[in-house]
C-alpha cells in the first residue's frame, strides 16, 4: 500500500492553469475586472457599486495619471499594492 505523490504534484500545475484561464473570461453582471499589483498583476472582479465611492475614484484617477487609456494588461489596471487594494475593497464592502 503506497501513495503516488508525483501524480498529485504533476496534476496541480495543470489545474492551476485551467482555473486561471476560466477565471479570466467570467465577470458576473454588475461587476467589472481590474488588475492590481506592483510587480505581478493579479485580477480582481469587483462590484460596479464601488465606482461611486470617493476612495475608489481616487484609485481610478491614479490609474488615469499613470496609464491614461492605454492599459498594459488590456483591461483596467490600478497602480497600487495588492494589500492596499484588498484593504480598500474590504472597507467598501463593510460600508
C-alpha atoms as a PDB file:
ATOM      1  CA  UNK A   1       0.000   0.000   0.000  1.00  0.00           C
ATOM      2  CA  UNK A   2       1.635   3.208  -1.116  1.00  0.00           C
ATOM      3  CA  UNK A   3       0.892   6.691  -2.330  1.00  0.00           C
ATOM      4  CA  UNK A   4       1.840   8.046  -5.714  1.00  0.00           C
ATOM      5  CA  UNK A   5       2.597  11.634  -4.849  1.00  0.00           C
ATOM      6  CA  UNK A   6       4.303  12.538  -8.147  1.00  0.00           C
ATOM      7  CA  UNK A   7       0.971  12.247  -9.962  1.00  0.00           C
ATOM      8  CA  UNK A   8      -0.680  14.569  -7.450  1.00  0.00           C
ATOM      9  CA  UNK A   9       2.168  17.079  -7.709  1.00  0.00           C
ATOM     10  CA  UNK A  10       2.069  16.963 -11.518  1.00  0.00           C
ATOM     11  CA  UNK A  11      -1.709  17.500 -11.552  1.00  0.00           C
ATOM     12  CA  UNK A  12      -1.539  20.780  -9.628  1.00  0.00           C
ATOM     13  CA  UNK A  13       0.087  22.924 -12.366  1.00  0.00           C
ATOM     14  CA  UNK A  14      -2.462  21.875 -14.991  1.00  0.00           C
ATOM     15  CA  UNK A  15      -5.338  22.502 -12.588  1.00  0.00           C
ATOM     16  CA  UNK A  16      -3.932  25.933 -11.787  1.00  0.00           C
ATOM     17  CA  UNK A  17      -3.719  26.815 -15.495  1.00  0.00           C
ATOM     18  CA  UNK A  18      -7.289  25.628 -16.055  1.00  0.00           C
ATOM     19  CA  UNK A  19      -8.617  27.764 -13.215  1.00  0.00           C
ATOM     20  CA  UNK A  20      -6.658  30.788 -14.420  1.00  0.00           C
ATOM     21  CA  UNK A  21      -7.933  30.591 -17.984  1.00  0.00           C
ATOM     22  CA  UNK A  22     -11.562  30.125 -16.950  1.00  0.00           C
ATOM     23  CA  UNK A  23     -11.239  32.858 -14.328  1.00  0.00           C
ATOM     24  CA  UNK A  24     -10.284  35.500 -16.891  1.00  0.00           C
ATOM     25  CA  UNK A  25     -13.399  35.060 -19.022  1.00  0.00           C
ATOM     26  CA  UNK A  26     -16.151  35.215 -16.386  1.00  0.00           C
ATOM     27  CA  UNK A  27     -17.290  38.559 -14.999  1.00  0.00           C
ATOM     28  CA  UNK A  28     -20.742  38.436 -13.398  1.00  0.00           C
ATOM     29  CA  UNK A  29     -23.375  41.006 -14.273  1.00  0.00           C
ATOM     30  CA  UNK A  30     -22.948  44.142 -12.161  1.00  0.00           C
ATOM     31  CA  UNK A  31     -19.181  43.654 -11.769  1.00  0.00           C
ATOM     32  CA  UNK A  32     -16.000  44.554 -13.631  1.00  0.00           C
ATOM     33  CA  UNK A  33     -12.455  43.224 -13.714  1.00  0.00           C
ATOM     34  CA  UNK A  34      -9.356  45.146 -12.666  1.00  0.00           C
ATOM     35  CA  UNK A  35      -5.686  44.221 -12.492  1.00  0.00           C
ATOM     36  CA  UNK A  36      -3.870  45.220  -9.319  1.00  0.00           C
ATOM     37  CA  UNK A  37      -0.301  44.885  -8.154  1.00  0.00           C
ATOM     38  CA  UNK A  38       3.100  46.414  -8.463  1.00  0.00           C
ATOM     39  CA  UNK A  39       5.367  43.724  -9.935  1.00  0.00           C
ATOM     40  CA  UNK A  40       2.910  40.902 -10.629  1.00  0.00           C
ATOM     41  CA  UNK A  41      -0.630  41.925 -11.587  1.00  0.00           C
ATOM     42  CA  UNK A  42      -3.499  39.978 -10.064  1.00  0.00           C
ATOM     43  CA  UNK A  43      -7.043  40.061 -11.448  1.00  0.00           C
ATOM     44  CA  UNK A  44      -9.944  41.062  -9.206  1.00  0.00           C
ATOM     45  CA  UNK A  45     -13.651  41.212 -10.007  1.00  0.00           C
ATOM     46  CA  UNK A  46     -15.372  43.996  -8.094  1.00  0.00           C
ATOM     47  CA  UNK A  47     -18.955  45.300  -7.940  1.00  0.00           C
ATOM     48  CA  UNK A  48     -19.852  48.326 -10.065  1.00  0.00           C
ATOM     49  CA  UNK A  49     -21.181  49.982  -6.890  1.00  0.00           C
ATOM     50  CA  UNK A  50     -17.529  50.642  -5.889  1.00  0.00           C
ATOM     51  CA  UNK A  51     -17.369  53.277  -8.640  1.00  0.00           C
ATOM     52  CA  UNK A  52     -19.387  55.747  -6.554  1.00  0.00           C
ATOM     53  CA  UNK A  53     -17.008  55.679  -3.565  1.00  0.00           C
ATOM     54  CA  UNK A  54     -14.518  58.591  -3.394  1.00  0.00           C
ATOM     55  CA  UNK A  55     -11.653  56.329  -2.287  1.00  0.00           C
ATOM     56  CA  UNK A  56     -12.149  54.043  -5.301  1.00  0.00           C
ATOM     57  CA  UNK A  57     -12.477  57.069  -7.578  1.00  0.00           C
ATOM     58  CA  UNK A  58      -9.091  58.206  -6.247  1.00  0.00           C
ATOM     59  CA  UNK A  59      -7.574  54.896  -7.410  1.00  0.00           C
ATOM     60  CA  UNK A  60      -9.162  55.396 -10.828  1.00  0.00           C
ATOM     61  CA  UNK A  61      -7.629  58.879 -11.042  1.00  0.00           C
ATOM     62  CA  UNK A  62      -4.223  57.426 -10.209  1.00  0.00           C
ATOM     63  CA  UNK A  63      -4.711  54.804 -12.931  1.00  0.00           C
ATOM     64  CA  UNK A  64      -5.593  57.531 -15.430  1.00  0.00           C
ATOM     65  CA  UNK A  65      -2.484  59.537 -14.490  1.00  0.00           C
ATOM     66  CA  UNK A  66      -0.182  56.531 -14.795  1.00  0.00           C
ATOM     67  CA  UNK A  67      -1.638  54.678 -17.777  1.00  0.00           C
ATOM     68  CA  UNK A  68      -4.070  57.045 -19.488  1.00  0.00           C
ATOM     69  CA  UNK A  69      -6.421  54.938 -21.562  1.00  0.00           C
ATOM     70  CA  UNK A  70      -3.709  52.511 -22.702  1.00  0.00           C
ATOM     71  CA  UNK A  71      -3.643  49.800 -20.047  1.00  0.00           C
ATOM     72  CA  UNK A  72      -0.839  47.251 -20.456  1.00  0.00           C
ATOM     73  CA  UNK A  73      -2.982  44.286 -19.352  1.00  0.00           C
ATOM     74  CA  UNK A  74      -5.757  45.063 -21.852  1.00  0.00           C
ATOM     75  CA  UNK A  75      -8.148  45.938 -19.020  1.00  0.00           C
ATOM     76  CA  UNK A  76      -8.303  48.476 -16.237  1.00  0.00           C
ATOM     77  CA  UNK A  77      -5.026  48.398 -14.311  1.00  0.00           C
ATOM     78  CA  UNK A  78      -4.843  50.043 -10.889  1.00  0.00           C
ATOM     79  CA  UNK A  79      -1.398  51.151  -9.692  1.00  0.00           C
ATOM     80  CA  UNK A  80      -1.363  50.127  -6.039  1.00  0.00           C
ATOM     81  CA  UNK A  81      -0.256  47.178  -3.969  1.00  0.00           C
ATOM     82  CA  UNK A  82      -2.471  44.137  -3.751  1.00  0.00           C
ATOM     83  CA  UNK A  83      -2.653  44.508   0.050  1.00  0.00           C
ATOM     84  CA  UNK A  84      -3.804  48.147  -0.174  1.00  0.00           C
ATOM     85  CA  UNK A  85      -6.466  47.214  -2.737  1.00  0.00           C
ATOM     86  CA  UNK A  86      -7.768  44.367  -0.585  1.00  0.00           C
ATOM     87  CA  UNK A  87      -7.914  46.659   2.463  1.00  0.00           C
ATOM     88  CA  UNK A  88      -9.840  49.251   0.458  1.00  0.00           C
ATOM     89  CA  UNK A  89     -12.317  46.779  -1.009  1.00  0.00           C
ATOM     90  CA  UNK A  90     -12.933  45.205   2.401  1.00  0.00           C
ATOM     91  CA  UNK A  91     -13.711  48.616   3.880  1.00  0.00           C
ATOM     92  CA  UNK A  92     -16.025  49.422   0.954  1.00  0.00           C
ATOM     93  CA  UNK A  93     -17.895  46.146   1.340  1.00  0.00           C
ATOM     94  CA  UNK A  94     -18.482  46.760   5.030  1.00  0.00           C
ATOM     95  CA  UNK A  95     -19.809  50.313   4.466  1.00  0.00           C
END
